[in-house]
Amino acid sequence: MKKIVANFKMNKTPSEVKQYLMTLVPRFDKAENIDLCLCLPYTSLSEAKYLLKGYPVKLGAQNLSECEAGGNTGEISGAMLKDVGVDSVIIGHSERRSRFKENSKIINKKIKIALKNRLNVILCVGESLAEKNTLKTLDTLREQIEEALKGLYENELESITIAYEPIWAIGTGKNATPREIEYAVKVIRKVVEDDFSTKASKEICVLYGGSVTNKNVASIIKAKGVDGALIGGASLDANMFLNILSLI
């Protein structure tokens, strides 16, 4: 079974999400070979919970606070997400790291908060173009993964998916080649093996994200070691997304 995560980012109002789901969900008939999770804006989570009821589609969020409660104006807690029906949450996306200055310490805290609230984690890692060009992909991925998973027990990895999203490919139309993806996935699994075990390395779910479209999804999914994809812009049109799903 391939895991597919759609990241809507800051797109679509609640009414637009409702129309989207009414188009997508009734026509999604590949539950047997696709584990689908839609990561929606906060404002759409509550209504989406009811629209998805009875369908094989999981509800996801795009972020959460590293704090549990209290005076954190504008933040959303893990408990709030769990109560509204969220299954998974994206943590460590490059846009959060760069634009909102989320460092490894904050990402590690968020992962622990998510797990404490029984939320599955989609951890994003990836190198910049400069790091890629200076052959630092391995070092960057190792540092990001080790810092994010610091202090976790091996059994907690069952609730964690790692999404390899090279920063230079996000929203640029330039996706990594199958060879580049396979190399990165191999690095990710080696880091997990070194820090936890061979068993954990083989079992952890690894996705690729970064300009995934209907033109490249088939080759990406076939890349060795890849368990699925994290899809951004191409998931925003329900009909286009259905086409992508049909190719998996």
C-alpha atoms as a PDB file:
ATOM      1  CA  MET A   1       0.000   0.000   0.000  1.00  0.00           C
ATOM      2  CA  LYS A   2       1.308   3.453  -0.948  1.00  0.00           C
ATOM      3  CA  LYS A   3       0.866   6.393   1.415  1.00  0.00           C
ATOM      4  CA  ILE A   4      -0.230   9.642  -0.230  1.00  0.00           C
ATOM      5  CA  VAL A   5      -0.335  12.919   1.701  1.00  0.00           C
ATOM      6  CA  ALA A   6      -1.854  16.091   0.223  1.00  0.00           C
ATOM      7  CA  ASN A   7      -0.639  19.392   1.656  1.00  0.00           C
ATOM      8  CA  PHE A   8      -3.051  22.225   0.848  1.00  0.00           C
ATOM      9  CA  LYS A   9      -0.808  24.805   2.551  1.00  0.00           C
ATOM     10  CA  MET A  10      -2.597  28.189   2.908  1.00  0.00           C
ATOM     11  CA  ASN A  11      -5.101  27.506   0.150  1.00  0.00           C
ATOM     12  CA  LYS A  12      -8.883  27.121  -0.016  1.00  0.00           C
ATOM     13  CA  THR A  13     -11.574  28.573   2.216  1.00  0.00           C
ATOM     14  CA  PRO A  14     -13.870  26.213   4.160  1.00  0.00           C
ATOM     15  CA  SER A  15     -16.538  26.483   1.446  1.00  0.00           C
ATOM     16  CA  GLU A  16     -13.941  25.664  -1.223  1.00  0.00           C
ATOM     17  CA  VAL A  17     -12.702  22.681   0.765  1.00  0.00           C
ATOM     18  CA  LYS A  18     -16.288  21.451   1.112  1.00  0.00           C
ATOM     19  CA  GLN A  19     -16.784  21.574  -2.661  1.00  0.00           C
ATOM     20  CA  TYR A  20     -13.409  19.893  -3.172  1.00  0.00           C
ATOM     21  CA  LEU A  21     -14.266  17.008  -0.847  1.00  0.00           C
ATOM     22  CA  MET A  22     -17.686  16.575  -2.406  1.00  0.00           C
ATOM     23  CA  THR A  23     -15.909  16.119  -5.747  1.00  0.00           C
ATOM     24  CA  LEU A  24     -12.983  13.992  -4.594  1.00  0.00           C
ATOM     25  CA  VAL A  25     -14.216  11.653  -1.911  1.00  0.00           C
ATOM     26  CA  PRO A  26     -17.092   9.877  -3.704  1.00  0.00           C
ATOM     27  CA  ARG A  27     -14.764   9.110  -6.628  1.00  0.00           C
ATOM     28  CA  PHE A  28     -11.841   7.900  -4.541  1.00  0.00           C
ATOM     29  CA  ASP A  29     -12.134   4.148  -4.954  1.00  0.00           C
ATOM     30  CA  LYS A  30      -8.576   2.952  -4.420  1.00  0.00           C
ATOM     31  CA  ALA A  31      -8.657   2.421  -0.678  1.00  0.00           C
ATOM     32  CA  GLU A  32      -7.110  -1.028  -1.093  1.00  0.00           C
ATOM     33  CA  ASN A  33      -3.777   0.219  -2.428  1.00  0.00           C
ATOM     34  CA  ILE A  34      -3.653   3.864  -1.270  1.00  0.00           C
ATOM     35  CA  ASP A  35      -3.494   5.235   2.282  1.00  0.00           C
ATOM     36  CA  LEU A  36      -4.721   8.798   1.692  1.00  0.00           C
ATOM     37  CA  CYS A  37      -4.376  11.725   4.094  1.00  0.00           C
ATOM     38  CA  LEU A  38      -5.505  15.293   3.345  1.00  0.00           C
ATOM     39  CA  CYS A  39      -3.676  17.988   5.338  1.00  0.00           C
ATOM     40  CA  LEU A  40      -6.053  20.940   5.316  1.00  0.00           C
ATOM     41  CA  PRO A  41      -6.014  24.486   6.747  1.00  0.00           C
ATOM     42  CA  TYR A  42      -7.147  24.678  10.380  1.00  0.00           C
ATOM     43  CA  THR A  43     -10.374  26.447   9.419  1.00  0.00           C
ATOM     44  CA  SER A  44     -11.578  23.455   7.411  1.00  0.00           C
ATOM     45  CA  LEU A  45     -10.742  20.624   9.802  1.00  0.00           C
ATOM     46  CA  SER A  46     -13.971  20.565  11.776  1.00  0.00           C
ATOM     47  CA  GLU A  47     -16.325  20.361   8.791  1.00  0.00           C
ATOM     48  CA  ALA A  48     -14.019  18.004   6.915  1.00  0.00           C
ATOM     49  CA  LYS A  49     -14.259  15.580   9.821  1.00  0.00           C
ATOM     50  CA  TYR A  50     -17.944  15.069   9.069  1.00  0.00           C
ATOM     51  CA  LEU A  51     -17.590  15.125   5.288  1.00  0.00           C
ATOM     52  CA  LEU A  52     -14.976  12.342   5.483  1.00  0.00           C
ATOM     53  CA  LYS A  53     -16.993  10.184   7.859  1.00  0.00           C
ATOM     54  CA  GLY A  54     -17.420   6.717   6.423  1.00  0.00           C
ATOM     55  CA  TYR A  55     -14.801   7.224   3.706  1.00  0.00           C
ATOM     56  CA  PRO A  56     -11.248   5.755   3.648  1.00  0.00           C
ATOM     57  CA  VAL A  57      -9.574   9.180   3.785  1.00  0.00           C
ATOM     58  CA  LYS A  58      -7.635  10.433   6.798  1.00  0.00           C
ATOM     59  CA  LEU A  59      -7.648  14.001   8.059  1.00  0.00           C
ATOM     60  CA  GLY A  60      -4.357  15.806   8.566  1.00  0.00           C
ATOM     61  CA  ALA A  61      -3.121  19.165   9.859  1.00  0.00           C
ATOM     62  CA  GLN A  62      -0.168  21.187   8.606  1.00  0.00           C
ATOM     63  CA  ASN A  63       1.351  22.199  11.922  1.00  0.00           C
ATOM     64  CA  LEU A  64       0.824  22.334  15.679  1.00  0.00           C
ATOM     65  CA  SER A  65       2.227  24.214  18.651  1.00  0.00           C
ATOM     66  CA  GLU A  66       5.195  22.961  20.644  1.00  0.00           C
ATOM     67  CA  CYS A  67       3.233  24.012  23.741  1.00  0.00           C
ATOM     68  CA  GLU A  68       0.362  22.066  25.244  1.00  0.00           C
ATOM     69  CA  ALA A  69      -1.905  24.958  26.305  1.00  0.00           C
ATOM     70  CA  GLY A  70      -1.937  28.424  27.855  1.00  0.00           C
ATOM     71  CA  GLY A  71      -0.999  31.911  26.716  1.00  0.00           C
ATOM     72  CA  ASN A  72       0.019  31.154  23.155  1.00  0.00           C
ATOM     73  CA  THR A  73      -2.245  33.404  21.102  1.00  0.00           C
ATOM     74  CA  GLY A  74      -2.866  32.147  17.591  1.00  0.00           C
ATOM     75  CA  GLU A  75      -1.469  28.655  18.208  1.00  0.00           C
ATOM     76  CA  ILE A  76      -3.214  25.266  17.891  1.00  0.00           C
ATOM     77  CA  SER A  77      -2.482  22.461  20.352  1.00  0.00           C
ATOM     78  CA  GLY A  78      -2.151  18.756  19.746  1.00  0.00           C
ATOM     79  CA  ALA A  79      -5.175  18.103  21.946  1.00  0.00           C
ATOM     80  CA  MET A  80      -7.282  20.472  19.799  1.00  0.00           C
ATOM     81  CA  LEU A  81      -6.251  18.647  16.618  1.00  0.00           C
ATOM     82  CA  LYS A  82      -6.979  15.231  18.104  1.00  0.00           C
ATOM     83  CA  ASP A  83     -10.396  16.336  19.338  1.00  0.00           C
ATOM     84  CA  VAL A  84     -11.408  17.602  15.893  1.00  0.00           C
ATOM     85  CA  GLY A  85     -10.582  14.250  14.291  1.00  0.00           C
ATOM     86  CA  VAL A  86      -7.062  14.795  12.969  1.00  0.00           C
ATOM     87  CA  ASP A  87      -5.029  11.636  12.358  1.00  0.00           C
ATOM     88  CA  SER A  88      -1.694  13.071  11.220  1.00  0.00           C
ATOM     89  CA  VAL A  89       0.252  16.330  11.339  1.00  0.00           C
ATOM     90  CA  ILE A  90       3.061  17.693   9.173  1.00  0.00           C
ATOM     91  CA  ILE A  91       6.085  18.830  11.183  1.00  0.00           C
ATOM     92  CA  GLY A  92       9.326  20.418  10.017  1.00  0.00           C
ATOM     93  CA  HIS A  93       8.246  21.553   6.563  1.00  0.00           C
ATOM     94  CA  SER A  94      10.949  23.708   4.979  1.00  0.00           C
ATOM     95  CA  GLU A  95       8.568  26.670   4.833  1.00  0.00           C
ATOM     96  CA  ARG A  96       8.140  26.468   8.600  1.00  0.00           C
ATOM     97  CA  ARG A  97      11.896  26.130   9.075  1.00  0.00           C
ATOM     98  CA  SER A  98      12.813  29.096   6.850  1.00  0.00           C
ATOM     99  CA  ARG A  99       9.911  31.562   7.098  1.00  0.00           C
ATOM    100  CA  PHE A 100       8.933  30.936  10.712  1.00  0.00           C
ATOM    101  CA  LYS A 101      12.397  30.100  12.054  1.00  0.00           C
ATOM    102  CA  GLU A 102      11.498  26.682  13.441  1.00  0.00           C
ATOM    103  CA  ASN A 103      14.752  25.076  14.504  1.00  0.00           C
ATOM    104  CA  SER A 104      15.519  21.450  15.332  1.00  0.00           C
ATOM    105  CA  LYS A 105      14.748  21.953  19.024  1.00  0.00           C
ATOM    106  CA  ILE A 106      11.242  23.241  18.255  1.00  0.00           C
ATOM    107  CA  ILE A 107      10.631  20.462  15.732  1.00  0.00           C
ATOM    108  CA  ASN A 108      11.666  17.851  18.278  1.00  0.00           C
ATOM    109  CA  LYS A 109       9.269  19.354  20.839  1.00  0.00           C
ATOM    110  CA  LYS A 110       6.425  19.350  18.319  1.00  0.00           C
ATOM    111  CA  ILE A 111       6.995  15.704  17.470  1.00  0.00           C
ATOM    112  CA  LYS A 112       6.848  14.751  21.155  1.00  0.00           C
ATOM    113  CA  ILE A 113       3.659  16.791  21.656  1.00  0.00           C
ATOM    114  CA  ALA A 114       2.081  15.126  18.619  1.00  0.00           C
ATOM    115  CA  LEU A 115       2.948  11.645  19.840  1.00  0.00           C
ATOM    116  CA  LYS A 116       1.705  12.447  23.336  1.00  0.00           C
ATOM    117  CA  ASN A 117      -1.664  13.317  21.784  1.00  0.00           C
ATOM    118  CA  ARG A 118      -1.685  10.110  19.704  1.00  0.00           C
ATOM    119  CA  LEU A 119      -1.182  11.940  16.420  1.00  0.00           C
ATOM    120  CA  ASN A 120       0.842  10.432  13.596  1.00  0.00           C
ATOM    121  CA  VAL A 121       3.761  12.579  12.438  1.00  0.00           C
ATOM    122  CA  ILE A 122       4.850  13.410   8.891  1.00  0.00           C
ATOM    123  CA  LEU A 123       8.390  14.714   9.412  1.00  0.00           C
ATOM    124  CA  CYS A 124       9.759  16.737   6.485  1.00  0.00           C
ATOM    125  CA  VAL A 125      13.485  16.795   5.778  1.00  0.00           C
ATOM    126  CA  GLY A 126      15.489  18.016   2.815  1.00  0.00           C
ATOM    127  CA  GLU A 127      18.522  19.912   1.618  1.00  0.00           C
ATOM    128  CA  SER A 128      18.815  23.318  -0.041  1.00  0.00           C
ATOM    129  CA  LEU A 129      20.194  23.808  -3.550  1.00  0.00           C
ATOM    130  CA  ALA A 130      23.460  25.095  -2.104  1.00  0.00           C
ATOM    131  CA  GLU A 131      23.785  21.996   0.095  1.00  0.00           C
ATOM    132  CA  LYS A 132      22.998  19.763  -2.865  1.00  0.00           C
ATOM    133  CA  ASN A 133      25.604  21.467  -5.051  1.00  0.00           C
ATOM    134  CA  THR A 134      28.276  21.173  -2.349  1.00  0.00           C
ATOM    135  CA  LEU A 135      27.514  17.481  -1.782  1.00  0.00           C
ATOM    136  CA  LYS A 136      26.105  18.013   1.714  1.00  0.00           C
ATOM    137  CA  THR A 137      22.816  16.132   1.231  1.00  0.00           C
ATOM    138  CA  LEU A 138      23.920  13.263   3.461  1.00  0.00           C
ATOM    139  CA  ASP A 139      25.118  15.504   6.295  1.00  0.00           C
ATOM    140  CA  THR A 140      22.001  17.704   6.139  1.00  0.00           C
ATOM    141  CA  LEU A 141      19.564  14.797   6.208  1.00  0.00           C
ATOM    142  CA  ARG A 142      21.436  13.076   9.021  1.00  0.00           C
ATOM    143  CA  GLU A 143      21.464  16.228  11.167  1.00  0.00           C
ATOM    144  CA  GLN A 144      17.775  16.994  10.553  1.00  0.00           C
ATOM    145  CA  ILE A 145      16.619  13.444  11.313  1.00  0.00           C
ATOM    146  CA  GLU A 146      18.796  12.907  14.375  1.00  0.00           C
ATOM    147  CA  GLU A 147      17.789  16.238  15.922  1.00  0.00           C
ATOM    148  CA  ALA A 148      14.101  15.697  15.176  1.00  0.00           C
ATOM    149  CA  LEU A 149      14.003  12.170  16.611  1.00  0.00           C
ATOM    150  CA  LYS A 150      16.220  12.855  19.635  1.00  0.00           C
ATOM    151  CA  GLY A 151      14.897  11.232  22.805  1.00  0.00           C
ATOM    152  CA  LEU A 152      12.337   9.019  21.068  1.00  0.00           C
ATOM    153  CA  TYR A 153      11.925   5.304  21.682  1.00  0.00           C
ATOM    154  CA  GLU A 154      12.066   2.905  18.746  1.00  0.00           C
ATOM    155  CA  ASN A 155       8.444   1.839  19.116  1.00  0.00           C
ATOM    156  CA  GLU A 156       7.397   5.479  18.619  1.00  0.00           C
ATOM    157  CA  LEU A 157       8.718   5.338  15.059  1.00  0.00           C
ATOM    158  CA  GLU A 158       5.590   3.350  14.195  1.00  0.00           C
ATOM    159  CA  SER A 159       3.756   6.688  14.320  1.00  0.00           C
ATOM    160  CA  ILE A 160       6.313   8.590  12.239  1.00  0.00           C
ATOM    161  CA  THR A 161       6.588   8.987   8.470  1.00  0.00           C
ATOM    162  CA  ILE A 162       9.615  10.752   6.999  1.00  0.00           C
ATOM    163  CA  ALA A 163       8.997  12.855   3.889  1.00  0.00           C
ATOM    164  CA  TYR A 164      12.059  13.691   1.816  1.00  0.00           C
ATOM    165  CA  GLU A 165      11.341  17.122   0.346  1.00  0.00           C
ATOM    166  CA  PRO A 166      14.419  18.703  -1.237  1.00  0.00           C
ATOM    167  CA  ILE A 167      13.977  22.444  -0.749  1.00  0.00           C
ATOM    168  CA  TRP A 168      15.136  23.152  -4.296  1.00  0.00           C
ATOM    169  CA  ALA A 169      12.210  21.088  -5.663  1.00  0.00           C
ATOM    170  CA  ILE A 170       9.332  22.495  -3.596  1.00  0.00           C
ATOM    171  CA  GLY A 171       7.025  24.581  -5.762  1.00  0.00           C
ATOM    172  CA  THR A 172       9.705  25.041  -8.411  1.00  0.00           C
ATOM    173  CA  GLY A 173       8.565  22.504 -10.971  1.00  0.00           C
ATOM    174  CA  LYS A 174      11.954  20.768 -10.608  1.00  0.00           C
ATOM    175  CA  ASN A 175      11.588  17.359  -9.034  1.00  0.00           C
ATOM    176  CA  ALA A 176      14.450  15.098  -8.038  1.00  0.00           C
ATOM    177  CA  THR A 177      15.353  12.279 -10.410  1.00  0.00           C
ATOM    178  CA  PRO A 178      14.601   8.669  -9.369  1.00  0.00           C
ATOM    179  CA  ARG A 179      18.331   8.205  -8.778  1.00  0.00           C
ATOM    180  CA  GLU A 180      18.521  11.255  -6.504  1.00  0.00           C
ATOM    181  CA  ILE A 181      15.412  10.124  -4.637  1.00  0.00           C
ATOM    182  CA  GLU A 182      16.771   6.617  -4.144  1.00  0.00           C
ATOM    183  CA  TYR A 183      20.033   8.020  -2.780  1.00  0.00           C
ATOM    184  CA  ALA A 184      18.225  10.282  -0.300  1.00  0.00           C
ATOM    185  CA  VAL A 185      15.899   7.502   0.839  1.00  0.00           C
ATOM    186  CA  LYS A 186      18.898   5.218   1.332  1.00  0.00           C
ATOM    187  CA  VAL A 187      20.526   7.899   3.493  1.00  0.00           C
ATOM    188  CA  ILE A 188      17.341   8.352   5.536  1.00  0.00           C
ATOM    189  CA  ARG A 189      17.015   4.630   6.213  1.00  0.00           C
ATOM    190  CA  LYS A 190      20.737   4.381   7.109  1.00  0.00           C
ATOM    191  CA  VAL A 191      20.348   7.158   9.694  1.00  0.00           C
ATOM    192  CA  VAL A 192      17.378   5.364  11.244  1.00  0.00           C
ATOM    193  CA  GLU A 193      19.343   2.106  11.235  1.00  0.00           C
ATOM    194  CA  ASP A 194      22.350   3.704  12.923  1.00  0.00           C
ATOM    195  CA  ASP A 195      20.251   5.458  15.588  1.00  0.00           C
ATOM    196  CA  PHE A 196      17.646   2.743  16.201  1.00  0.00           C
ATOM    197  CA  SER A 197      17.860  -0.631  14.424  1.00  0.00           C
ATOM    198  CA  THR A 198      17.855  -2.436  11.085  1.00  0.00           C
ATOM    199  CA  LYS A 199      14.241  -3.438  11.719  1.00  0.00           C
ATOM    200  CA  ALA A 200      13.216   0.192  12.285  1.00  0.00           C
ATOM    201  CA  SER A 201      15.060   1.238   9.133  1.00  0.00           C
ATOM    202  CA  LYS A 202      13.174  -1.270   7.004  1.00  0.00           C
ATOM    203  CA  GLU A 203       9.773  -0.550   8.536  1.00  0.00           C
ATOM    204  CA  ILE A 204       9.715   3.247   8.694  1.00  0.00           C
ATOM    205  CA  CYS A 205       7.571   4.860   5.991  1.00  0.00           C
ATOM    206  CA  VAL A 206       9.468   7.212   3.659  1.00  0.00           C
ATOM    207  CA  LEU A 207       7.753   9.545   1.171  1.00  0.00           C
ATOM    208  CA  TYR A 208       9.006  11.857  -1.559  1.00  0.00           C
ATOM    209  CA  GLY A 209       7.658  15.381  -1.957  1.00  0.00           C
ATOM    210  CA  GLY A 210       8.595  18.231  -4.256  1.00  0.00           C
ATOM    211  CA  SER A 211       6.796  19.192  -7.481  1.00  0.00           C
ATOM    212  CA  VAL A 212       5.002  15.844  -7.758  1.00  0.00           C
ATOM    213  CA  THR A 213       2.572  15.839 -10.700  1.00  0.00           C
ATOM    214  CA  ASN A 214       0.661  13.405 -12.883  1.00  0.00           C
ATOM    215  CA  LYS A 215       3.664  13.445 -15.231  1.00  0.00           C
ATOM    216  CA  ASN A 216       6.204  12.134 -12.727  1.00  0.00           C
ATOM    217  CA  VAL A 217       4.289  10.403  -9.927  1.00  0.00           C
ATOM    218  CA  ALA A 218       4.515   6.940 -11.500  1.00  0.00           C
ATOM    219  CA  SER A 219       8.326   7.024 -11.702  1.00  0.00           C
ATOM    220  CA  ILE A 220       8.607   8.532  -8.218  1.00  0.00           C
ATOM    221  CA  ILE A 221       6.453   5.848  -6.654  1.00  0.00           C
ATOM    222  CA  LYS A 222       8.552   3.149  -8.331  1.00  0.00           C
ATOM    223  CA  ALA A 223      11.825   4.502  -6.921  1.00  0.00           C
ATOM    224  CA  LYS A 224      13.486   1.958  -4.645  1.00  0.00           C
ATOM    225  CA  GLY A 225      12.628   2.427  -0.974  1.00  0.00           C
ATOM    226  CA  VAL A 226       9.851   4.988  -1.581  1.00  0.00           C
ATOM    227  CA  ASP A 227       6.565   4.233   0.192  1.00  0.00           C
ATOM    228  CA  GLY A 228       4.513   7.087  -1.238  1.00  0.00           C
ATOM    229  CA  ALA A 229       4.394  10.804  -1.943  1.00  0.00           C
ATOM    230  CA  LEU A 230       3.640  14.153  -0.327  1.00  0.00           C
ATOM    231  CA  ILE A 231       1.841  16.277  -2.913  1.00  0.00           C
ATOM    232  CA  GLY A 232       1.366  20.045  -2.718  1.00  0.00           C
ATOM    233  CA  GLY A 233       0.090  22.227  -5.538  1.00  0.00           C
ATOM    234  CA  ALA A 234      -1.003  19.338  -7.749  1.00  0.00           C
ATOM    235  CA  SER A 235      -3.457  18.200  -5.068  1.00  0.00           C
ATOM    236  CA  LEU A 236      -5.439  21.461  -5.043  1.00  0.00           C
ATOM    237  CA  ASP A 237      -7.516  20.606  -8.109  1.00  0.00           C
ATOM    238  CA  ALA A 238      -9.736  17.636  -7.225  1.00  0.00           C
ATOM    239  CA  ASN A 239      -9.892  16.266 -10.776  1.00  0.00           C
ATOM    240  CA  MET A 240      -6.132  16.555 -11.267  1.00  0.00           C
ATOM    241  CA  PHE A 241      -5.527  14.886  -7.919  1.00  0.00           C
ATOM    242  CA  LEU A 242      -7.879  12.037  -8.827  1.00  0.00           C
ATOM    243  CA  ASN A 243      -5.872  11.585 -12.003  1.00  0.00           C
ATOM    244  CA  ILE A 244      -2.653  11.380  -9.993  1.00  0.00           C
ATOM    245  CA  LEU A 245      -4.200   8.811  -7.649  1.00  0.00           C
ATOM    246  CA  SER A 246      -5.281   6.717 -10.610  1.00  0.00           C
ATOM    247  CA  LEU A 247      -1.646   6.443 -11.725  1.00  0.00           C
ATOM    248  CA  ILE A 248      -0.442   4.950  -8.436  1.00  0.00           C
END
